[in-house]
């Protein structure tokens, strides 16, 4: 698995926009910041939002494309691998790239820009 690069960020942005998920990401991030937040519940709610949003073939394909590049696999491998493996891949992406810290930084920057 490789580190996220700038191109991945833009692929993810297009996926979030096309899947109309920007609000879901912001909502999950805000809920996760709350005192005593149940991370498991926030995560499950977010995964449900992702699954519903990616039910369109275009967004499903974009998700495979994004994950395949980062995981250094073919999109067909991502499509046919077990759900457990895909979830593990996504967890590794978050852990190895400190994605939560990226969202925190982006949130602070956004507040400074809009505030």
Protein backbone atom coordinates (compact mmCIF):
# COMPACT_ATOMS: atom_id res chain seq x y z
CA UNK A 1 0.00 0.00 0.00
CA UNK A 2 1.35 3.42 -0.87
CA UNK A 3 0.85 6.79 0.83
CA UNK A 4 -1.91 9.09 -0.34
CA UNK A 5 -0.87 11.59 -2.98
CA UNK A 6 -2.37 14.80 -4.28
CA UNK A 7 -4.15 13.02 -7.13
CA UNK A 8 -5.91 10.77 -4.59
CA UNK A 9 -7.26 13.84 -2.80
CA UNK A 10 -8.85 15.12 -6.00
CA UNK A 11 -10.22 11.66 -6.88
CA UNK A 12 -11.75 11.51 -3.41
CA UNK A 13 -13.18 15.02 -3.80
CA UNK A 14 -14.84 14.08 -7.11
CA UNK A 15 -16.22 10.89 -5.57
CA UNK A 16 -17.62 12.78 -2.57
CA UNK A 17 -19.15 15.42 -4.84
CA UNK A 18 -20.64 12.94 -7.32
CA UNK A 19 -22.02 10.79 -4.49
CA UNK A 20 -23.40 13.89 -2.76
CA UNK A 21 -21.50 12.87 0.38
CA UNK A 22 -19.82 16.08 1.47
CA UNK A 23 -22.49 16.62 4.11
CA UNK A 24 -22.13 13.04 5.38
CA UNK A 25 -18.37 13.45 5.77
CA UNK A 26 -18.79 16.74 7.64
CA UNK A 27 -21.51 15.22 9.83
CA UNK A 28 -19.42 12.14 10.72
CA UNK A 29 -16.41 14.33 11.47
CA UNK A 30 -18.43 16.63 13.74
CA UNK A 31 -20.08 13.71 15.56
CA UNK A 32 -16.67 12.10 16.04
CA UNK A 33 -15.35 15.27 17.72
CA UNK A 34 -18.14 15.33 20.32
CA UNK A 35 -17.27 14.50 23.92
CA UNK A 36 -17.94 10.82 24.59
CA UNK A 37 -18.69 10.07 20.94
CA UNK A 38 -19.32 6.41 20.21
CA UNK A 39 -16.77 5.85 17.45
CA UNK A 40 -18.33 2.55 16.45
CA UNK A 41 -21.77 4.15 15.96
CA UNK A 42 -20.32 7.12 14.07
CA UNK A 43 -18.35 4.71 11.86
CA UNK A 44 -21.31 2.43 11.18
CA UNK A 45 -23.55 5.40 10.35
CA UNK A 46 -20.91 6.73 7.97
CA UNK A 47 -20.39 3.35 6.27
CA UNK A 48 -24.15 3.08 5.74
CA UNK A 49 -24.13 6.55 4.14
CA UNK A 50 -21.22 5.51 1.90
CA UNK A 51 -22.93 2.31 0.80
CA UNK A 52 -26.13 4.13 -0.08
CA UNK A 53 -24.27 6.92 -1.89
CA UNK A 54 -22.11 4.51 -3.88
CA UNK A 55 -25.06 2.48 -5.11
CA UNK A 56 -24.85 4.36 -8.41
CA UNK A 57 -22.53 2.53 -10.83
CA UNK A 58 -20.52 5.68 -11.57
CA UNK A 59 -19.66 6.28 -7.91
CA UNK A 60 -19.06 2.56 -7.31
CA UNK A 61 -16.52 2.60 -10.15
CA UNK A 62 -14.90 5.77 -8.77
CA UNK A 63 -14.54 4.09 -5.37
CA UNK A 64 -12.83 1.04 -6.90
CA UNK A 65 -10.53 3.32 -8.89
CA UNK A 66 -9.57 5.35 -5.81
CA UNK A 67 -8.95 2.33 -3.59
CA UNK A 68 -7.12 0.35 -6.27
CA UNK A 69 -4.55 3.09 -6.80
CA UNK A 70 -3.82 3.52 -3.10
CA UNK A 71 -3.85 -0.22 -2.34
CA UNK A 72 -1.83 -0.97 -5.47
CA UNK A 73 -4.39 -3.44 -6.74
CA UNK A 74 -6.51 -3.59 -9.89
CA UNK A 75 -10.06 -2.17 -9.63
CA UNK A 76 -11.37 -5.67 -10.41
CA UNK A 77 -9.50 -6.99 -7.34
CA UNK A 78 -11.16 -4.41 -5.11
CA UNK A 79 -14.56 -5.25 -6.61
CA UNK A 80 -14.18 -9.00 -6.05
CA UNK A 81 -12.37 -9.10 -2.71
CA UNK A 82 -14.24 -9.78 0.52
CA UNK A 83 -15.90 -6.89 2.31
CA UNK A 84 -13.69 -7.66 5.31
CA UNK A 85 -10.57 -7.15 3.17
CA UNK A 86 -11.91 -3.87 1.78
CA UNK A 87 -12.69 -2.59 5.29
CA UNK A 88 -9.17 -3.60 6.40
CA UNK A 89 -7.70 -1.76 3.39
CA UNK A 90 -9.66 1.39 4.27
CA UNK A 91 -8.57 1.15 7.93
CA UNK A 92 -4.93 0.88 6.82
CA UNK A 93 -5.34 3.92 4.56
CA UNK A 94 -6.68 5.94 7.49
CA UNK A 95 -4.00 4.72 9.90
CA UNK A 96 -0.98 4.97 7.61
CA UNK A 97 -1.89 8.39 6.24
CA UNK A 98 -3.25 10.05 9.38
CA UNK A 99 -6.43 10.94 7.46
CA UNK A 100 -8.21 12.10 10.63
CA UNK A 101 -5.46 14.65 11.25
CA UNK A 102 -5.87 15.84 7.65
CA UNK A 103 -9.61 16.38 8.23
CA UNK A 104 -8.90 18.23 11.49
CA UNK A 105 -6.43 20.52 9.74
CA UNK A 106 -8.80 21.10 6.83
CA UNK A 107 -11.60 21.90 9.27
CA UNK A 108 -9.47 24.48 11.12
CA UNK A 109 -8.36 26.01 7.82
CA UNK A 110 -11.96 26.15 6.58
CA UNK A 111 -13.00 27.91 9.78
CA UNK A 112 -10.29 30.53 9.29
CA UNK A 113 -11.28 31.08 5.67
CA UNK A 114 -15.02 31.28 6.30
CA UNK A 115 -14.82 32.78 9.79
